[in-house]
Amino acid sequence: MNRIQLEQLMPYHMPPQARAAIARILEEEQGENKLIHDRGGYTNWGISSRWYPHINISELSASAAGEIYYQDYWLFNKCDKLPVAMAYVLFDAAVNQGGDFARKTLQQVLGVKVDGIIGPKTIETSNRTSDPFFVIQYTRYRCMRYTNLVQKDKTQIIFIEGWIDRALEILIDAQLAEQKP
């Protein structure tokens, strides 16, 4: 399925930015994955048996996966309260690199207290910040983390090109989404 088809499968209670960001993730993560070196274990639509052992991953629909992404990644990380470009990069980082890393990286880039909690100060600072430099810097930290992961565990080298491409594509999507009226 392409991104437009996937976006149409998302529940209508989601705002347009969330629907678009989630459809992008679903397009990226589409289908089942049983790669030996994938630390998430068996996944479907990017939802991992490691993090969701209570879900029958093999029967997970795109719509159900979208709802998980919306509740556990978009809303939980307060993406609905952030400028769209920051929300896109934070959301993808939370999905692919973990929520704690995603939130702390945002705070580090913004120059606020790094505690991993997206609270009023982080939200206020992000909404006062319109400089595209911040999402570029955020993407730089993402790429550095991927590189460090591969240096620590050589089995992950098979993923590095895809990870870096993904981070750069999200950066482009984030910047384009920010320009939409």
C-alpha atoms as a PDB file:
ATOM      1  CA  MET A   1       0.000   0.000   0.000  1.00  0.00           C
ATOM      2  CA  ASN A   2       1.123   3.525  -0.640  1.00  0.00           C
ATOM      3  CA  ARG A   3       1.072   6.398   1.829  1.00  0.00           C
ATOM      4  CA  ILE A   4      -2.205   7.873   0.535  1.00  0.00           C
ATOM      5  CA  GLN A   5      -4.009   4.538   0.858  1.00  0.00           C
ATOM      6  CA  LEU A   6      -2.590   4.042   4.339  1.00  0.00           C
ATOM      7  CA  GLU A   7      -3.592   7.542   5.414  1.00  0.00           C
ATOM      8  CA  GLN A   8      -7.166   6.776   4.353  1.00  0.00           C
ATOM      9  CA  LEU A   9      -7.163   3.737   6.667  1.00  0.00           C
ATOM     10  CA  MET A  10      -6.375   5.837   9.725  1.00  0.00           C
ATOM     11  CA  PRO A  11      -9.273   6.579  12.094  1.00  0.00           C
ATOM     12  CA  TYR A  12     -10.834   9.975  11.438  1.00  0.00           C
ATOM     13  CA  HIS A  13     -10.441  11.152  15.038  1.00  0.00           C
ATOM     14  CA  MET A  14      -6.749  11.713  14.344  1.00  0.00           C
ATOM     15  CA  PRO A  15      -5.714  15.213  13.229  1.00  0.00           C
ATOM     16  CA  PRO A  16      -4.336  15.505   9.666  1.00  0.00           C
ATOM     17  CA  GLN A  17      -0.692  15.886  10.785  1.00  0.00           C
ATOM     18  CA  ALA A  18      -0.889  12.709  12.863  1.00  0.00           C
ATOM     19  CA  ARG A  19      -2.605  10.793  10.051  1.00  0.00           C
ATOM     20  CA  ALA A  20       0.109  11.850   7.590  1.00  0.00           C
ATOM     21  CA  ALA A  21       2.997  11.064   9.969  1.00  0.00           C
ATOM     22  CA  ILE A  22       1.531   7.677  10.905  1.00  0.00           C
ATOM     23  CA  ALA A  23       0.829   6.768   7.269  1.00  0.00           C
ATOM     24  CA  ARG A  24       4.461   7.561   6.507  1.00  0.00           C
ATOM     25  CA  ILE A  25       5.623   5.218   9.273  1.00  0.00           C
ATOM     26  CA  LEU A  26       3.252   2.481   8.105  1.00  0.00           C
ATOM     27  CA  GLU A  27       4.551   2.819   4.549  1.00  0.00           C
ATOM     28  CA  GLU A  28       8.109   2.516   5.870  1.00  0.00           C
ATOM     29  CA  GLU A  29       7.342  -0.412   8.173  1.00  0.00           C
ATOM     30  CA  GLN A  30       4.812  -2.163   5.921  1.00  0.00           C
ATOM     31  CA  GLY A  31       4.387  -5.884   6.366  1.00  0.00           C
ATOM     32  CA  GLU A  32       5.843  -8.571   8.553  1.00  0.00           C
ATOM     33  CA  ASN A  33       9.517  -8.639   9.485  1.00  0.00           C
ATOM     34  CA  LYS A  34      11.383 -11.628  10.840  1.00  0.00           C
ATOM     35  CA  LEU A  35      14.974 -10.420  10.408  1.00  0.00           C
ATOM     36  CA  ILE A  36      17.418 -12.323  12.596  1.00  0.00           C
ATOM     37  CA  HIS A  37      19.310  -9.254  13.832  1.00  0.00           C
ATOM     38  CA  ASP A  38      16.246  -7.044  14.393  1.00  0.00           C
ATOM     39  CA  ARG A  39      16.285  -6.325  18.134  1.00  0.00           C
ATOM     40  CA  GLY A  40      12.533  -5.741  18.116  1.00  0.00           C
ATOM     41  CA  GLY A  41      11.921  -9.363  17.220  1.00  0.00           C
ATOM     42  CA  TYR A  42       8.987 -10.265  15.038  1.00  0.00           C
ATOM     43  CA  THR A  43       7.218  -7.146  13.790  1.00  0.00           C
ATOM     44  CA  ASN A  44       4.216  -6.266  11.658  1.00  0.00           C
ATOM     45  CA  TRP A  45       3.599  -2.684  10.499  1.00  0.00           C
ATOM     46  CA  GLY A  46       6.567  -1.802  12.713  1.00  0.00           C
ATOM     47  CA  ILE A  47       4.818  -2.976  15.879  1.00  0.00           C
ATOM     48  CA  SER A  48       7.176  -5.292  17.711  1.00  0.00           C
ATOM     49  CA  SER A  49       6.461  -8.478  19.620  1.00  0.00           C
ATOM     50  CA  ARG A  50       9.191  -7.379  22.032  1.00  0.00           C
ATOM     51  CA  TRP A  51       7.302  -4.232  23.093  1.00  0.00           C
ATOM     52  CA  TYR A  52       3.768  -5.540  22.528  1.00  0.00           C
ATOM     53  CA  PRO A  53       3.852  -9.206  23.647  1.00  0.00           C
ATOM     54  CA  HIS A  54       0.126  -9.070  24.479  1.00  0.00           C
ATOM     55  CA  ILE A  55      -0.839  -8.376  20.837  1.00  0.00           C
ATOM     56  CA  ASN A  56      -1.172 -11.012  18.129  1.00  0.00           C
ATOM     57  CA  ILE A  57       1.330  -9.340  15.826  1.00  0.00           C
ATOM     58  CA  SER A  58       0.655 -11.620  12.862  1.00  0.00           C
ATOM     59  CA  GLU A  59      -2.992 -10.483  12.701  1.00  0.00           C
ATOM     60  CA  LEU A  60      -2.338  -6.781  13.264  1.00  0.00           C
ATOM     61  CA  SER A  61      -4.029  -4.550  10.688  1.00  0.00           C
ATOM     62  CA  ALA A  62      -2.648  -1.256   9.407  1.00  0.00           C
ATOM     63  CA  SER A  63      -5.517   0.567  11.099  1.00  0.00           C
ATOM     64  CA  ALA A  64      -4.854  -1.108  14.464  1.00  0.00           C
ATOM     65  CA  ALA A  65      -1.135  -0.377  14.149  1.00  0.00           C
ATOM     66  CA  GLY A  66      -2.018   3.237  13.332  1.00  0.00           C
ATOM     67  CA  GLU A  67      -4.051   3.516  16.516  1.00  0.00           C
ATOM     68  CA  ILE A  68      -1.101   2.187  18.537  1.00  0.00           C
ATOM     69  CA  TYR A  69       1.187   4.746  16.918  1.00  0.00           C
ATOM     70  CA  TYR A  70      -1.300   7.512  17.616  1.00  0.00           C
ATOM     71  CA  GLN A  71      -1.850   6.684  21.289  1.00  0.00           C
ATOM     72  CA  ASP A  72       1.581   5.372  22.324  1.00  0.00           C
ATOM     73  CA  TYR A  73       3.846   7.553  20.210  1.00  0.00           C
ATOM     74  CA  TRP A  74       2.050  10.650  18.852  1.00  0.00           C
ATOM     75  CA  LEU A  75      -0.042  11.594  21.899  1.00  0.00           C
ATOM     76  CA  PHE A  76       2.261  10.145  24.543  1.00  0.00           C
ATOM     77  CA  ASN A  77       5.158  12.242  23.221  1.00  0.00           C
ATOM     78  CA  LYS A  78       2.940  15.357  22.975  1.00  0.00           C
ATOM     79  CA  CYS A  79       3.460  15.643  19.210  1.00  0.00           C
ATOM     80  CA  ASP A  80       0.006  17.228  19.049  1.00  0.00           C
ATOM     81  CA  LYS A  81       1.372  20.214  20.999  1.00  0.00           C
ATOM     82  CA  LEU A  82       4.554  20.774  18.966  1.00  0.00           C
ATOM     83  CA  PRO A  83       5.226  22.549  15.670  1.00  0.00           C
ATOM     84  CA  VAL A  84       4.618  20.101  12.850  1.00  0.00           C
ATOM     85  CA  ALA A  85       8.275  19.719  11.761  1.00  0.00           C
ATOM     86  CA  MET A  86       9.402  18.977  15.318  1.00  0.00           C
ATOM     87  CA  ALA A  87       6.467  16.615  15.803  1.00  0.00           C
ATOM     88  CA  TYR A  88       7.449  14.629  12.688  1.00  0.00           C
ATOM     89  CA  VAL A  89      11.075  14.117  13.676  1.00  0.00           C
ATOM     90  CA  LEU A  90      10.245  13.434  17.334  1.00  0.00           C
ATOM     91  CA  PHE A  91       7.527  10.950  16.354  1.00  0.00           C
ATOM     92  CA  ASP A  92       9.737   8.994  13.966  1.00  0.00           C
ATOM     93  CA  ALA A  93      12.631   8.966  16.435  1.00  0.00           C
ATOM     94  CA  ALA A  94      10.317   7.683  19.189  1.00  0.00           C
ATOM     95  CA  VAL A  95       9.092   4.877  16.932  1.00  0.00           C
ATOM     96  CA  ASN A  96      12.499   3.907  15.573  1.00  0.00           C
ATOM     97  CA  GLN A  97      14.911   4.846  18.366  1.00  0.00           C
ATOM     98  CA  GLY A  98      12.819   4.902  21.517  1.00  0.00           C
ATOM     99  CA  GLY A  99      10.744   7.541  23.231  1.00  0.00           C
ATOM    100  CA  ASP A 100      13.273   8.406  25.915  1.00  0.00           C
ATOM    101  CA  PHE A 101      15.966   9.159  23.336  1.00  0.00           C
ATOM    102  CA  ALA A 102      13.470  11.105  21.202  1.00  0.00           C
ATOM    103  CA  ARG A 103      12.253  13.319  24.045  1.00  0.00           C
ATOM    104  CA  LYS A 104      15.696  13.967  25.533  1.00  0.00           C
ATOM    105  CA  THR A 105      17.133  14.792  22.120  1.00  0.00           C
ATOM    106  CA  LEU A 106      14.378  17.343  21.524  1.00  0.00           C
ATOM    107  CA  GLN A 107      15.135  18.940  24.881  1.00  0.00           C
ATOM    108  CA  GLN A 108      18.858  18.943  24.195  1.00  0.00           C
ATOM    109  CA  VAL A 109      18.368  20.622  20.811  1.00  0.00           C
ATOM    110  CA  LEU A 110      16.003  23.211  22.319  1.00  0.00           C
ATOM    111  CA  GLY A 111      18.368  23.957  25.208  1.00  0.00           C
ATOM    112  CA  VAL A 112      15.872  23.165  27.952  1.00  0.00           C
ATOM    113  CA  LYS A 113      16.228  20.853  30.952  1.00  0.00           C
ATOM    114  CA  VAL A 114      16.881  17.331  29.664  1.00  0.00           C
ATOM    115  CA  ASP A 115      14.617  15.090  31.736  1.00  0.00           C
ATOM    116  CA  GLY A 116      12.738  13.158  29.045  1.00  0.00           C
ATOM    117  CA  ILE A 117       9.394  14.694  30.013  1.00  0.00           C
ATOM    118  CA  ILE A 118       7.671  16.846  27.417  1.00  0.00           C
ATOM    119  CA  GLY A 119       6.164  19.404  29.750  1.00  0.00           C
ATOM    120  CA  PRO A 120       5.070  23.042  29.492  1.00  0.00           C
ATOM    121  CA  LYS A 121       8.621  24.452  29.191  1.00  0.00           C
ATOM    122  CA  THR A 122       9.597  22.097  26.346  1.00  0.00           C
ATOM    123  CA  ILE A 123       6.310  22.750  24.546  1.00  0.00           C
ATOM    124  CA  GLU A 124       6.557  26.531  25.020  1.00  0.00           C
ATOM    125  CA  THR A 125      10.168  26.640  23.825  1.00  0.00           C
ATOM    126  CA  SER A 126       9.441  24.463  20.798  1.00  0.00           C
ATOM    127  CA  ASN A 127       6.519  26.674  19.782  1.00  0.00           C
ATOM    128  CA  ARG A 128       8.689  29.805  19.996  1.00  0.00           C
ATOM    129  CA  THR A 129      11.315  28.176  17.801  1.00  0.00           C
ATOM    130  CA  SER A 130      10.722  28.387  14.078  1.00  0.00           C
ATOM    131  CA  ASP A 131      14.297  28.010  12.889  1.00  0.00           C
ATOM    132  CA  PRO A 132      14.680  24.913  10.636  1.00  0.00           C
ATOM    133  CA  PHE A 133      18.131  24.450  12.172  1.00  0.00           C
ATOM    134  CA  PHE A 134      16.533  22.657  15.128  1.00  0.00           C
ATOM    135  CA  VAL A 135      15.108  19.768  13.088  1.00  0.00           C
ATOM    136  CA  ILE A 136      18.391  19.524  11.168  1.00  0.00           C
ATOM    137  CA  GLN A 137      20.333  19.349  14.434  1.00  0.00           C
ATOM    138  CA  TYR A 138      17.845  16.785  15.755  1.00  0.00           C
ATOM    139  CA  THR A 139      18.422  14.650  12.656  1.00  0.00           C
ATOM    140  CA  ARG A 140      22.175  14.933  13.157  1.00  0.00           C
ATOM    141  CA  TYR A 141      21.811  13.501  16.683  1.00  0.00           C
ATOM    142  CA  ARG A 142      19.678  10.677  15.302  1.00  0.00           C
ATOM    143  CA  CYS A 143      22.335   9.753  12.757  1.00  0.00           C
ATOM    144  CA  MET A 144      25.078   9.903  15.399  1.00  0.00           C
ATOM    145  CA  ARG A 145      23.068   7.512  17.584  1.00  0.00           C
ATOM    146  CA  TYR A 146      22.701   5.047  14.715  1.00  0.00           C
ATOM    147  CA  THR A 147      26.439   5.208  14.091  1.00  0.00           C
ATOM    148  CA  ASN A 148      27.227   4.649  17.786  1.00  0.00           C
ATOM    149  CA  LEU A 149      24.850   1.677  17.868  1.00  0.00           C
ATOM    150  CA  VAL A 150      26.659   0.028  14.946  1.00  0.00           C
ATOM    151  CA  GLN A 151      30.057   0.711  16.535  1.00  0.00           C
ATOM    152  CA  LYS A 152      28.885  -1.105  19.682  1.00  0.00           C
ATOM    153  CA  ASP A 153      27.167  -3.968  17.861  1.00  0.00           C
ATOM    154  CA  LYS A 154      28.550  -4.845  14.424  1.00  0.00           C
ATOM    155  CA  THR A 155      25.526  -7.065  13.650  1.00  0.00           C
ATOM    156  CA  GLN A 156      23.489  -3.877  13.231  1.00  0.00           C
ATOM    157  CA  ILE A 157      25.570  -2.690  10.240  1.00  0.00           C
ATOM    158  CA  ILE A 158      22.998  -4.213   7.883  1.00  0.00           C
ATOM    159  CA  PHE A 159      20.492  -1.571   9.028  1.00  0.00           C
ATOM    160  CA  ILE A 160      22.645   1.598   8.970  1.00  0.00           C
ATOM    161  CA  GLU A 161      21.970   2.687   5.398  1.00  0.00           C
ATOM    162  CA  GLY A 162      18.209   2.306   5.840  1.00  0.00           C
ATOM    163  CA  TRP A 163      18.262   4.090   9.198  1.00  0.00           C
ATOM    164  CA  ILE A 164      20.213   7.074   7.858  1.00  0.00           C
ATOM    165  CA  ASP A 165      18.022   7.259   4.746  1.00  0.00           C
ATOM    166  CA  ARG A 166      14.929   7.153   6.947  1.00  0.00           C
ATOM    167  CA  ALA A 167      16.160   9.977   9.198  1.00  0.00           C
ATOM    168  CA  LEU A 168      16.991  12.153   6.189  1.00  0.00           C
ATOM    169  CA  GLU A 169      13.681  11.406   4.463  1.00  0.00           C
ATOM    170  CA  ILE A 170      11.803  12.314   7.653  1.00  0.00           C
ATOM    171  CA  LEU A 171      13.773  15.557   7.810  1.00  0.00           C
ATOM    172  CA  ILE A 172      12.625  16.411   4.274  1.00  0.00           C
ATOM    173  CA  ASP A 173       9.015  15.380   5.023  1.00  0.00           C
ATOM    174  CA  ALA A 174       9.069  17.457   8.213  1.00  0.00           C
ATOM    175  CA  GLN A 175      10.284  20.537   6.390  1.00  0.00           C
ATOM    176  CA  LEU A 176       7.670  20.096   3.648  1.00  0.00           C
ATOM    177  CA  ALA A 177       4.900  19.563   6.206  1.00  0.00           C
ATOM    178  CA  GLU A 178       5.934  22.767   7.971  1.00  0.00           C
ATOM    179  CA  GLN A 179       5.464  24.687   4.713  1.00  0.00           C
ATOM    180  CA  LYS A 180       1.877  23.448   4.149  1.00  0.00           C
ATOM    181  CA  PRO A 181      -0.863  25.960   5.050  1.00  0.00           C
END
